[in-house]
PDB file of N, CA and C in Angstrom:
ATOM      1  N   UNK A   1      -5.422  -4.840   4.861  1.00  0.00           N
ATOM      2  CA  UNK A   1      -5.082  -5.885   3.636  1.00  0.00           C
ATOM      3  C   UNK A   1      -4.759  -5.232   2.429  1.00  0.00           C
ATOM      4  N   UNK A   2      -4.055  -5.985   1.877  1.00  0.00           N
ATOM      5  CA  UNK A   2      -2.926  -5.578   0.682  1.00  0.00           C
ATOM      6  C   UNK A   2      -3.846  -5.465  -0.594  1.00  0.00           C
ATOM      7  N   UNK A   3      -3.488  -4.729  -1.541  1.00  0.00           N
ATOM      8  CA  UNK A   3      -4.410  -4.823  -2.812  1.00  0.00           C
ATOM      9  C   UNK A   3      -4.457  -6.052  -3.625  1.00  0.00           C
ATOM     10  N   UNK A   4      -5.533  -6.301  -4.208  1.00  0.00           N
ATOM     11  CA  UNK A   4      -5.328  -7.484  -5.202  1.00  0.00           C
ATOM     12  C   UNK A   4      -5.148  -6.991  -6.542  1.00  0.00           C
ATOM     13  N   UNK A   5      -4.617  -5.870  -6.685  1.00  0.00           N
ATOM     14  CA  UNK A   5      -4.440  -5.351  -7.993  1.00  0.00           C
ATOM     15  C   UNK A   5      -2.954  -6.028  -8.172  1.00  0.00           C
ATOM     16  N   UNK A   6      -2.626  -6.610  -9.561  1.00  0.00           N
ATOM     17  CA  UNK A   6      -1.739  -7.334  -9.859  1.00  0.00           C
ATOM     18  C   UNK A   6      -0.945  -6.359 -11.108  1.00  0.00           C
ATOM     19  N   UNK A   7       0.559  -6.155 -10.726  1.00  0.00           N
ATOM     20  CA  UNK A   7       0.804  -5.335 -12.014  1.00  0.00           C
ATOM     21  C   UNK A   7       1.482  -6.370 -13.103  1.00  0.00           C
ATOM     22  N   UNK A   8       1.363  -5.975 -14.109  1.00  0.00           N
ATOM     23  CA  UNK A   8       1.600  -6.688 -15.118  1.00  0.00           C
ATOM     24  C   UNK A   8       2.985  -6.673 -15.894  1.00  0.00           C
ATOM     25  N   UNK A   9       4.017  -7.784 -15.747  1.00  0.00           N
ATOM     26  CA  UNK A   9       5.106  -7.340 -16.110  1.00  0.00           C
ATOM     27  C   UNK A   9       5.653  -7.668 -17.476  1.00  0.00           C
ATOM     28  N   UNK A  10       4.551  -8.053 -18.429  1.00  0.00           N
ATOM     29  CA  UNK A  10       5.011  -8.237 -19.818  1.00  0.00           C
ATOM     30  C   UNK A  10       3.862  -8.949 -20.680  1.00  0.00           C
ATOM     31  N   UNK A  11       4.241  -8.844 -22.251  1.00  0.00           N
ATOM     32  CA  UNK A  11       2.754  -9.257 -22.719  1.00  0.00           C
ATOM     33  C   UNK A  11       2.640 -10.539 -22.697  1.00  0.00           C
ATOM     34  N   UNK A  12       3.534 -11.378 -22.867  1.00  0.00           N
ATOM     35  CA  UNK A  12       3.182 -12.790 -22.600  1.00  0.00           C
ATOM     36  C   UNK A  12       2.354 -12.921 -21.385  1.00  0.00           C
ATOM     37  N   UNK A  13       2.841 -12.356 -20.124  1.00  0.00           N
ATOM     38  CA  UNK A  13       1.892 -12.673 -19.045  1.00  0.00           C
ATOM     39  C   UNK A  13       0.450 -12.268 -19.146  1.00  0.00           C
ATOM     40  N   UNK A  14       0.554 -11.165 -19.823  1.00  0.00           N
ATOM     41  CA  UNK A  14      -0.762 -10.178 -20.005  1.00  0.00           C
ATOM     42  C   UNK A  14      -1.701 -11.193 -20.468  1.00  0.00           C
ATOM     43  N   UNK A  15      -1.308 -11.824 -21.741  1.00  0.00           N
ATOM     44  CA  UNK A  15      -2.071 -12.722 -22.344  1.00  0.00           C
ATOM     45  C   UNK A  15      -2.624 -13.938 -21.938  1.00  0.00           C
ATOM     46  N   UNK A  16      -1.818 -14.382 -20.945  1.00  0.00           N
ATOM     47  CA  UNK A  16      -1.956 -15.494 -20.200  1.00  0.00           C
ATOM     48  C   UNK A  16      -3.154 -15.153 -19.292  1.00  0.00           C
ATOM     49  N   UNK A  17      -2.935 -14.411 -18.790  1.00  0.00           N
ATOM     50  CA  UNK A  17      -4.223 -13.856 -17.497  1.00  0.00           C
ATOM     51  C   UNK A  17      -5.535 -13.574 -18.071  1.00  0.00           C
ATOM     52  N   UNK A  18      -5.321 -12.574 -19.259  1.00  0.00           N
ATOM     53  CA  UNK A  18      -6.426 -12.638 -19.945  1.00  0.00           C
ATOM     54  C   UNK A  18      -7.336 -13.626 -20.626  1.00  0.00           C
ATOM     55  N   UNK A  19      -6.626 -15.209 -21.285  1.00  0.00           N
ATOM     56  CA  UNK A  19      -6.828 -15.939 -21.826  1.00  0.00           C
ATOM     57  C   UNK A  19      -7.497 -17.117 -20.770  1.00  0.00           C
ATOM     58  N   UNK A  20      -7.231 -16.869 -19.550  1.00  0.00           N
ATOM     59  CA  UNK A  20      -7.584 -17.892 -18.492  1.00  0.00           C
ATOM     60  C   UNK A  20      -9.347 -17.648 -18.307  1.00  0.00           C
ATOM     61  N   UNK A  21      -9.896 -16.757 -19.125  1.00  0.00           N
ATOM     62  CA  UNK A  21     -11.292 -16.870 -18.842  1.00  0.00           C
ATOM     63  C   UNK A  21     -11.574 -15.918 -17.555  1.00  0.00           C
ATOM     64  N   UNK A  22     -12.822 -15.886 -17.463  1.00  0.00           N
ATOM     65  CA  UNK A  22     -13.483 -15.198 -16.365  1.00  0.00           C
ATOM     66  C   UNK A  22     -13.179 -13.867 -16.707  1.00  0.00           C
ATOM     67  N   UNK A  23     -13.783 -13.020 -15.398  1.00  0.00           N
ATOM     68  CA  UNK A  23     -13.849 -11.684 -15.519  1.00  0.00           C
ATOM     69  C   UNK A  23     -12.472 -11.132 -14.672  1.00  0.00           C
ATOM     70  N   UNK A  24     -12.097  -9.842 -15.782  1.00  0.00           N
ATOM     71  CA  UNK A  24     -10.754  -9.441 -15.468  1.00  0.00           C
ATOM     72  C   UNK A  24     -11.149  -7.888 -15.951  1.00  0.00           C
ATOM     73  N   UNK A  25     -10.411  -7.267 -14.775  1.00  0.00           N
ATOM     74  CA  UNK A  25     -10.329  -5.242 -14.910  1.00  0.00           C
ATOM     75  C   UNK A  25      -8.822  -5.289 -15.274  1.00  0.00           C
ATOM     76  N   UNK A  26      -8.882  -4.412 -16.201  1.00  0.00           N
ATOM     77  CA  UNK A  26      -7.470  -3.723 -16.284  1.00  0.00           C
ATOM     78  C   UNK A  26      -7.129  -2.556 -16.313  1.00  0.00           C
ATOM     79  N   UNK A  27      -6.351  -2.044 -15.432  1.00  0.00           N
ATOM     80  CA  UNK A  27      -6.291  -0.503 -15.165  1.00  0.00           C
ATOM     81  C   UNK A  27      -4.935  -0.168 -16.257  1.00  0.00           C
ATOM     82  N   UNK A  28      -4.791   0.819 -17.052  1.00  0.00           N
ATOM     83  CA  UNK A  28      -3.859   0.935 -17.840  1.00  0.00           C
ATOM     84  C   UNK A  28      -3.423   2.364 -17.261  1.00  0.00           C
ATOM     85  N   UNK A  29      -2.421   2.722 -17.177  1.00  0.00           N
ATOM     86  CA  UNK A  29      -1.934   3.808 -16.204  1.00  0.00           C
ATOM     87  C   UNK A  29      -0.247   4.328 -16.346  1.00  0.00           C
ATOM     88  N   UNK A  30      -0.042   5.586 -16.102  1.00  0.00           N
ATOM     89  CA  UNK A  30       1.309   5.930 -15.950  1.00  0.00           C
ATOM     90  C   UNK A  30       1.820   6.335 -14.387  1.00  0.00           C
ATOM     91  N   UNK A  31       3.048   6.123 -14.257  1.00  0.00           N
ATOM     92  CA  UNK A  31       3.529   6.566 -12.686  1.00  0.00           C
ATOM     93  C   UNK A  31       3.315   8.067 -12.819  1.00  0.00           C
ATOM     94  N   UNK A  32       3.535   8.963 -13.886  1.00  0.00           N
ATOM     95  CA  UNK A  32       3.299  10.549 -13.604  1.00  0.00           C
ATOM     96  C   UNK A  32       2.071  11.022 -13.603  1.00  0.00           C
ATOM     97  N   UNK A  33       0.769  10.030 -14.153  1.00  0.00           N
ATOM     98  CA  UNK A  33      -0.429  10.376 -14.411  1.00  0.00           C
ATOM     99  C   UNK A  33      -1.062  10.726 -12.881  1.00  0.00           C
ATOM    100  N   UNK A  34      -1.421  12.042 -12.610  1.00  0.00           N
ATOM    101  CA  UNK A  34      -1.985  12.317 -11.141  1.00  0.00           C
ATOM    102  C   UNK A  34      -3.581  11.893 -11.047  1.00  0.00           C
ATOM    103  N   UNK A  35      -4.033  11.854 -12.293  1.00  0.00           N
ATOM    104  CA  UNK A  35      -5.640  11.009 -12.353  1.00  0.00           C
ATOM    105  C   UNK A  35      -5.748   9.561 -12.148  1.00  0.00           C
ATOM    106  N   UNK A  36      -3.993   8.989 -12.703  1.00  0.00           N
ATOM    107  CA  UNK A  36      -4.304   7.852 -12.004  1.00  0.00           C
ATOM    108  C   UNK A  36      -4.007   7.188 -10.586  1.00  0.00           C
ATOM    109  N   UNK A  37      -3.037   8.294 -10.298  1.00  0.00           N
ATOM    110  CA  UNK A  37      -3.105   7.903  -8.813  1.00  0.00           C
ATOM    111  C   UNK A  37      -4.089   8.374  -7.814  1.00  0.00           C
ATOM    112  N   UNK A  38      -5.113   9.252  -8.454  1.00  0.00           N
ATOM    113  CA  UNK A  38      -6.363   9.539  -7.862  1.00  0.00           C
ATOM    114  C   UNK A  38      -7.153   8.475  -7.705  1.00  0.00           C
ATOM    115  N   UNK A  39      -7.502   7.786  -9.022  1.00  0.00           N
ATOM    116  CA  UNK A  39      -8.430   6.557  -9.152  1.00  0.00           C
ATOM    117  C   UNK A  39      -7.802   5.020  -8.681  1.00  0.00           C
ATOM    118  N   UNK A  40      -6.261   4.961  -8.093  1.00  0.00           N
ATOM    119  CA  UNK A  40      -5.962   3.780  -7.368  1.00  0.00           C
ATOM    120  C   UNK A  40      -6.702   3.439  -6.350  1.00  0.00           C
ATOM    121  N   UNK A  41      -7.116   4.377  -5.466  1.00  0.00           N
ATOM    122  CA  UNK A  41      -7.568   3.632  -4.210  1.00  0.00           C
ATOM    123  C   UNK A  41      -9.010   3.413  -4.320  1.00  0.00           C
ATOM    124  N   UNK A  42      -9.888   3.462  -5.412  1.00  0.00           N
ATOM    125  CA  UNK A  42     -11.119   3.292  -5.802  1.00  0.00           C
ATOM    126  C   UNK A  42     -10.870   2.008  -6.376  1.00  0.00           C
ATOM    127  N   UNK A  43      -9.747   1.642  -7.430  1.00  0.00           N
ATOM    128  CA  UNK A  43      -9.554   0.439  -7.644  1.00  0.00           C
ATOM    129  C   UNK A  43      -8.915  -0.847  -6.807  1.00  0.00           C
ATOM    130  N   UNK A  44      -8.290  -0.131  -5.786  1.00  0.00           N
ATOM    131  CA  UNK A  44      -7.904  -1.302  -4.814  1.00  0.00           C
ATOM    132  C   UNK A  44      -8.935  -1.717  -3.814  1.00  0.00           C
ATOM    133  N   UNK A  45     -10.113  -0.639  -3.653  1.00  0.00           N
ATOM    134  CA  UNK A  45     -11.392  -0.889  -2.787  1.00  0.00           C
ATOM    135  C   UNK A  45     -12.037  -2.153  -3.811  1.00  0.00           C
ATOM    136  N   UNK A  46     -12.259  -1.800  -5.104  1.00  0.00           N
ATOM    137  CA  UNK A  46     -13.246  -2.752  -5.704  1.00  0.00           C
ATOM    138  C   UNK A  46     -12.601  -3.894  -5.736  1.00  0.00           C
ATOM    139  N   UNK A  47     -11.167  -4.192  -5.804  1.00  0.00           N
ATOM    140  CA  UNK A  47     -10.592  -5.364  -6.218  1.00  0.00           C
ATOM    141  C   UNK A  47     -10.673  -6.165  -4.603  1.00  0.00           C
ATOM    142  N   UNK A  48     -11.152  -5.693  -3.721  1.00  0.00           N
ATOM    143  CA  UNK A  48     -10.971  -6.365  -2.114  1.00  0.00           C
ATOM    144  C   UNK A  48     -12.667  -6.564  -2.132  1.00  0.00           C
ATOM    145  N   UNK A  49     -13.630  -5.909  -3.029  1.00  0.00           N
ATOM    146  CA  UNK A  49     -14.995  -6.184  -2.605  1.00  0.00           C
ATOM    147  C   UNK A  49     -15.552  -7.471  -3.693  1.00  0.00           C
ATOM    148  N   UNK A  50     -14.417  -7.253  -4.614  1.00  0.00           N
ATOM    149  CA  UNK A  50     -14.496  -8.132  -6.089  1.00  0.00           C
ATOM    150  C   UNK A  50     -13.589  -9.695  -5.825  1.00  0.00           C
ATOM    151  N   UNK A  51     -13.715 -10.453  -5.059  1.00  0.00           N
ATOM    152  CA  UNK A  51     -12.649 -11.397  -5.082  1.00  0.00           C
ATOM    153  C   UNK A  51     -12.659 -12.439  -6.311  1.00  0.00           C
ATOM    154  N   UNK A  52     -14.032 -12.266  -7.139  1.00  0.00           N
ATOM    155  CA  UNK A  52     -13.844 -13.563  -8.144  1.00  0.00           C
ATOM    156  C   UNK A  52     -14.034 -12.613  -9.478  1.00  0.00           C
ATOM    157  N   UNK A  53     -13.117 -11.288  -9.421  1.00  0.00           N
ATOM    158  CA  UNK A  53     -12.538 -10.804 -10.600  1.00  0.00           C
ATOM    159  C   UNK A  53     -10.838 -10.425 -10.351  1.00  0.00           C
ATOM    160  N   UNK A  54     -10.341 -10.696 -11.745  1.00  0.00           N
ATOM    161  CA  UNK A  54      -9.045 -10.747 -11.617  1.00  0.00           C
ATOM    162  C   UNK A  54      -8.775  -9.039 -11.995  1.00  0.00           C
ATOM    163  N   UNK A  55      -7.745  -8.360 -11.128  1.00  0.00           N
ATOM    164  CA  UNK A  55      -7.344  -6.932 -11.383  1.00  0.00           C
ATOM    165  C   UNK A  55      -6.061  -6.965 -11.647  1.00  0.00           C
ATOM    166  N   UNK A  56      -5.991  -6.078 -13.102  1.00  0.00           N
ATOM    167  CA  UNK A  56      -4.166  -5.843 -13.639  1.00  0.00           C
ATOM    168  C   UNK A  56      -4.237  -4.902 -13.487  1.00  0.00           C
ATOM    169  N   UNK A  57      -3.046  -4.237 -13.624  1.00  0.00           N
ATOM    170  CA  UNK A  57      -2.333  -2.890 -13.767  1.00  0.00           C
ATOM    171  C   UNK A  57      -1.307  -2.935 -14.720  1.00  0.00           C
ATOM    172  N   UNK A  58      -1.607  -2.085 -15.578  1.00  0.00           N
ATOM    173  CA  UNK A  58      -0.645  -1.696 -16.976  1.00  0.00           C
ATOM    174  C   UNK A  58       0.003  -0.588 -16.969  1.00  0.00           C
ATOM    175  N   UNK A  59       1.128  -0.425 -16.718  1.00  0.00           N
ATOM    176  CA  UNK A  59       1.832   1.011 -16.857  1.00  0.00           C
ATOM    177  C   UNK A  59       1.907   0.837 -17.951  1.00  0.00           C
ATOM    178  N   UNK A  60       1.858   2.180 -18.637  1.00  0.00           N
ATOM    179  CA  UNK A  60       1.895   2.171 -20.337  1.00  0.00           C
ATOM    180  C   UNK A  60       3.524   2.678 -20.816  1.00  0.00           C
ATOM    181  N   UNK A  61       3.909   3.388 -19.790  1.00  0.00           N
ATOM    182  CA  UNK A  61       5.384   3.321 -20.268  1.00  0.00           C
ATOM    183  C   UNK A  61       6.218   2.336 -19.668  1.00  0.00           C
ATOM    184  N   UNK A  62       6.233   1.195 -19.034  1.00  0.00           N
ATOM    185  CA  UNK A  62       6.790  -0.150 -18.820  1.00  0.00           C
ATOM    186  C   UNK A  62       6.313  -1.045 -20.151  1.00  0.00           C
ATOM    187  N   UNK A  63       5.083  -1.134 -20.423  1.00  0.00           N
ATOM    188  CA  UNK A  63       4.305  -1.855 -21.533  1.00  0.00           C
ATOM    189  C   UNK A  63       3.910  -1.234 -22.653  1.00  0.00           C
ATOM    190  N   UNK A  64       4.780  -0.664 -23.228  1.00  0.00           N
ATOM    191  CA  UNK A  64       4.655   0.058 -24.387  1.00  0.00           C
ATOM    192  C   UNK A  64       3.600  -0.686 -25.651  1.00  0.00           C
ATOM    193  N   UNK A  65       4.005  -1.920 -25.801  1.00  0.00           N
ATOM    194  CA  UNK A  65       3.551  -2.885 -26.491  1.00  0.00           C
ATOM    195  C   UNK A  65       2.462  -3.249 -26.565  1.00  0.00           C
ATOM    196  N   UNK A  66       1.847  -3.590 -25.006  1.00  0.00           N
ATOM    197  CA  UNK A  66       0.492  -3.958 -24.571  1.00  0.00           C
ATOM    198  C   UNK A  66      -0.166  -2.397 -24.804  1.00  0.00           C
ATOM    199  N   UNK A  67      -0.012  -1.465 -24.361  1.00  0.00           N
ATOM    200  CA  UNK A  67      -0.709  -0.352 -24.651  1.00  0.00           C
ATOM    201  C   UNK A  67      -1.045   0.206 -26.185  1.00  0.00           C
ATOM    202  N   UNK A  68      -0.078  -0.297 -26.908  1.00  0.00           N
ATOM    203  CA  UNK A  68      -0.041   0.012 -28.322  1.00  0.00           C
ATOM    204  C   UNK A  68      -1.420  -0.941 -29.096  1.00  0.00           C
ATOM    205  N   UNK A  69      -0.975  -2.183 -28.537  1.00  0.00           N
ATOM    206  CA  UNK A  69      -2.224  -3.132 -29.119  1.00  0.00           C
ATOM    207  C   UNK A  69      -3.544  -2.778 -28.493  1.00  0.00           C
ATOM    208  N   UNK A  70      -3.909  -2.590 -27.352  1.00  0.00           N
ATOM    209  CA  UNK A  70      -4.658  -1.884 -26.721  1.00  0.00           C
ATOM    210  C   UNK A  70      -5.319  -0.634 -27.076  1.00  0.00           C
ATOM    211  N   UNK A  71      -4.819   0.032 -27.849  1.00  0.00           N
ATOM    212  CA  UNK A  71      -5.032   1.367 -28.476  1.00  0.00           C
ATOM    213  C   UNK A  71      -5.271   2.300 -27.228  1.00  0.00           C
ATOM    214  N   UNK A  72      -4.677   2.104 -26.336  1.00  0.00           N
ATOM    215  CA  UNK A  72      -4.684   3.552 -25.003  1.00  0.00           C
ATOM    216  C   UNK A  72      -4.165   4.727 -25.587  1.00  0.00           C
ATOM    217  N   UNK A  73      -5.040   5.218 -25.608  1.00  0.00           N
ATOM    218  CA  UNK A  73      -4.998   6.905 -25.777  1.00  0.00           C
ATOM    219  C   UNK A  73      -5.158   8.054 -24.888  1.00  0.00           C
ATOM    220  N   UNK A  74      -5.696   7.401 -23.842  1.00  0.00           N
ATOM    221  CA  UNK A  74      -5.958   8.489 -22.348  1.00  0.00           C
ATOM    222  C   UNK A  74      -5.728   7.604 -21.316  1.00  0.00           C
ATOM    223  N   UNK A  75      -5.301   8.603 -20.258  1.00  0.00           N
ATOM    224  CA  UNK A  75      -5.228   7.514 -18.895  1.00  0.00           C
ATOM    225  C   UNK A  75      -6.078   8.411 -17.758  1.00  0.00           C
ATOM    226  N   UNK A  76      -6.399   7.903 -16.666  1.00  0.00           N
ATOM    227  CA  UNK A  76      -6.523   6.110 -16.696  1.00  0.00           C
ATOM    228  C   UNK A  76      -7.487   5.714 -17.755  1.00  0.00           C
ATOM    229  N   UNK A  77      -7.447   4.389 -18.268  1.00  0.00           N
ATOM    230  CA  UNK A  77      -8.296   3.586 -19.013  1.00  0.00           C
ATOM    231  C   UNK A  77      -8.755   2.322 -18.479  1.00  0.00           C
ATOM    232  N   UNK A  78      -9.495   1.875 -18.138  1.00  0.00           N
ATOM    233  CA  UNK A  78     -10.051   0.686 -17.641  1.00  0.00           C
ATOM    234  C   UNK A  78     -10.872  -0.392 -18.208  1.00  0.00           C
ATOM    235  N   UNK A  79     -10.490  -1.412 -18.671  1.00  0.00           N
ATOM    236  CA  UNK A  79     -11.032  -2.256 -19.713  1.00  0.00           C
ATOM    237  C   UNK A  79     -11.635  -3.494 -18.853  1.00  0.00           C
ATOM    238  N   UNK A  80     -12.734  -3.809 -19.075  1.00  0.00           N
ATOM    239  CA  UNK A  80     -13.337  -4.909 -18.468  1.00  0.00           C
ATOM    240  C   UNK A  80     -13.631  -6.019 -19.580  1.00  0.00           C
ATOM    241  N   UNK A  81     -13.070  -7.255 -19.046  1.00  0.00           N
ATOM    242  CA  UNK A  81     -13.004  -8.377 -19.688  1.00  0.00           C
ATOM    243  C   UNK A  81     -13.717  -9.617 -19.367  1.00  0.00           C
ATOM    244  N   UNK A  82     -14.544 -10.001 -20.374  1.00  0.00           N
ATOM    245  CA  UNK A  82     -15.275 -11.138 -19.938  1.00  0.00           C
ATOM    246  C   UNK A  82     -14.848 -12.710 -20.850  1.00  0.00           C
ATOM    247  N   UNK A  83     -14.257 -13.463 -19.990  1.00  0.00           N
ATOM    248  CA  UNK A  83     -13.844 -14.773 -21.015  1.00  0.00           C
ATOM    249  C   UNK A  83     -12.898 -14.279 -22.268  1.00  0.00           C
ATOM    250  N   UNK A  84     -12.265 -13.174 -22.225  1.00  0.00           N
ATOM    251  CA  UNK A  84     -10.941 -13.056 -23.173  1.00  0.00           C
ATOM    252  C   UNK A  84     -11.659 -11.908 -24.155  1.00  0.00           C
ATOM    253  N   UNK A  85     -12.564 -11.386 -24.056  1.00  0.00           N
ATOM    254  CA  UNK A  85     -13.377 -10.513 -24.743  1.00  0.00           C
ATOM    255  C   UNK A  85     -13.681  -9.348 -24.079  1.00  0.00           C
ATOM    256  N   UNK A  86     -13.180  -8.055 -24.597  1.00  0.00           N
ATOM    257  CA  UNK A  86     -13.461  -6.586 -24.091  1.00  0.00           C
ATOM    258  C   UNK A  86     -15.175  -6.419 -23.917  1.00  0.00           C
ATOM    259  N   UNK A  87     -15.483  -6.285 -23.025  1.00  0.00           N
ATOM    260  CA  UNK A  87     -17.075  -6.143 -22.765  1.00  0.00           C
ATOM    261  C   UNK A  87     -17.585  -4.525 -22.403  1.00  0.00           C
ATOM    262  N   UNK A  88     -16.447  -3.631 -21.985  1.00  0.00           N
ATOM    263  CA  UNK A  88     -16.831  -2.263 -21.734  1.00  0.00           C
ATOM    264  C   UNK A  88     -15.438  -1.526 -21.069  1.00  0.00           C
ATOM    265  N   UNK A  89     -15.773  -0.346 -21.209  1.00  0.00           N
ATOM    266  CA  UNK A  89     -14.447   0.551 -20.831  1.00  0.00           C
ATOM    267  C   UNK A  89     -14.680   1.767 -20.195  1.00  0.00           C
ATOM    268  N   UNK A  90     -13.975   2.108 -19.315  1.00  0.00           N
ATOM    269  CA  UNK A  90     -14.000   3.400 -18.553  1.00  0.00           C
ATOM    270  C   UNK A  90     -12.989   4.322 -18.843  1.00  0.00           C
ATOM    271  N   UNK A  91     -13.132   5.634 -19.385  1.00  0.00           N
ATOM    272  CA  UNK A  91     -11.806   6.360 -19.748  1.00  0.00           C
ATOM    273  C   UNK A  91     -11.872   7.549 -18.894  1.00  0.00           C
ATOM    274  N   UNK A  92     -10.943   7.735 -18.213  1.00  0.00           N
ATOM    275  CA  UNK A  92     -10.899   8.926 -17.154  1.00  0.00           C
ATOM    276  C   UNK A  92     -10.850   8.465 -15.820  1.00  0.00           C
ATOM    277  N   UNK A  93     -10.901   9.751 -15.184  1.00  0.00           N
ATOM    278  CA  UNK A  93     -10.978   9.606 -13.753  1.00  0.00           C
ATOM    279  C   UNK A  93     -11.951   9.808 -12.983  1.00  0.00           C
ATOM    280  N   UNK A  94     -13.276   8.907 -13.148  1.00  0.00           N
ATOM    281  CA  UNK A  94     -14.589   9.103 -12.994  1.00  0.00           C
ATOM    282  C   UNK A  94     -14.952   8.248 -12.164  1.00  0.00           C
ATOM    283  N   UNK A  95     -14.863   8.390 -10.753  1.00  0.00           N
ATOM    284  CA  UNK A  95     -15.058   7.047  -9.551  1.00  0.00           C
ATOM    285  C   UNK A  95     -16.529   6.781  -9.906  1.00  0.00           C
ATOM    286  N   UNK A  96     -17.385   7.894 -10.003  1.00  0.00           N
ATOM    287  CA  UNK A  96     -18.765   7.038 -10.132  1.00  0.00           C
ATOM    288  C   UNK A  96     -19.011   6.218 -11.506  1.00  0.00           C
ATOM    289  N   UNK A  97     -18.400   6.663 -12.677  1.00  0.00           N
ATOM    290  CA  UNK A  97     -18.550   5.988 -13.723  1.00  0.00           C
ATOM    291  C   UNK A  97     -17.820   4.437 -13.274  1.00  0.00           C
ATOM    292  N   UNK A  98     -16.810   4.268 -12.955  1.00  0.00           N
ATOM    293  CA  UNK A  98     -15.903   3.230 -12.686  1.00  0.00           C
ATOM    294  C   UNK A  98     -16.627   2.276 -11.855  1.00  0.00           C
ATOM    295  N   UNK A  99     -17.132   2.591 -10.660  1.00  0.00           N
ATOM    296  CA  UNK A  99     -18.124   2.060  -9.622  1.00  0.00           C
ATOM    297  C   UNK A  99     -19.182   1.410 -10.311  1.00  0.00           C
ATOM    298  N   UNK A 100     -19.975   2.447 -11.168  1.00  0.00           N
ATOM    299  CA  UNK A 100     -21.217   1.824 -11.808  1.00  0.00           C
ATOM    300  C   UNK A 100     -21.001   0.863 -13.113  1.00  0.00           C
ATOM    301  N   UNK A 101     -20.062   0.672 -13.618  1.00  0.00           N
ATOM    302  CA  UNK A 101     -19.643  -0.053 -14.703  1.00  0.00           C
ATOM    303  C   UNK A 101     -19.309  -1.550 -13.862  1.00  0.00           C
ATOM    304  N   UNK A 102     -18.691  -1.291 -12.959  1.00  0.00           N
ATOM    305  CA  UNK A 102     -17.986  -2.610 -12.152  1.00  0.00           C
ATOM    306  C   UNK A 102     -19.351  -3.249 -11.593  1.00  0.00           C
ATOM    307  N   UNK A 103     -20.383  -2.368 -11.119  1.00  0.00           N
ATOM    308  CA  UNK A 103     -21.659  -3.196 -10.620  1.00  0.00           C
ATOM    309  C   UNK A 103     -22.335  -4.147 -11.995  1.00  0.00           C
ATOM    310  N   UNK A 104     -22.318  -3.000 -12.957  1.00  0.00           N
ATOM    311  CA  UNK A 104     -22.865  -3.792 -14.161  1.00  0.00           C
ATOM    312  C   UNK A 104     -22.200  -5.037 -14.505  1.00  0.00           C
ATOM    313  N   UNK A 105     -20.722  -4.939 -14.437  1.00  0.00           N
ATOM    314  CA  UNK A 105     -20.044  -6.099 -15.015  1.00  0.00           C
ATOM    315  C   UNK A 105     -19.859  -7.355 -14.257  1.00  0.00           C
ATOM    316  N   UNK A 106     -20.532  -7.167 -12.748  1.00  0.00           N
ATOM    317  CA  UNK A 106     -20.084  -8.186 -11.834  1.00  0.00           C
ATOM    318  C   UNK A 106     -21.709  -8.938 -11.465  1.00  0.00           C
ATOM    319  N   UNK A 107     -22.770  -8.108 -12.458  1.00  0.00           N
ATOM    320  CA  UNK A 107     -24.014  -8.696 -12.050  1.00  0.00           C
ATOM    321  C   UNK A 107     -24.646  -9.609 -12.730  1.00  0.00           C
TER     322      UNK A 107
END
């Protein structure tokens, strides 16, 4: 099964996807970040388990404007958004924290 994590091409698309409402998880990452690569399979698995959540990936080197707007200082950073508002965040490559935050987010 393919990953349900969609790469965000630009700032306009980013805002459209968030403003739709519902639940969104955003993975802020970089191609050179080994911790990001470690967490990607975990995120892919979660995206397959939670089809009611939109999963997005933002490469901070490709989308510097989004990273600046979201004040991303460390990677990976995962933001959890409900109805356009950030409700939680996980910073770093901690599988347990990401999974437990996801459980709280979807319950």
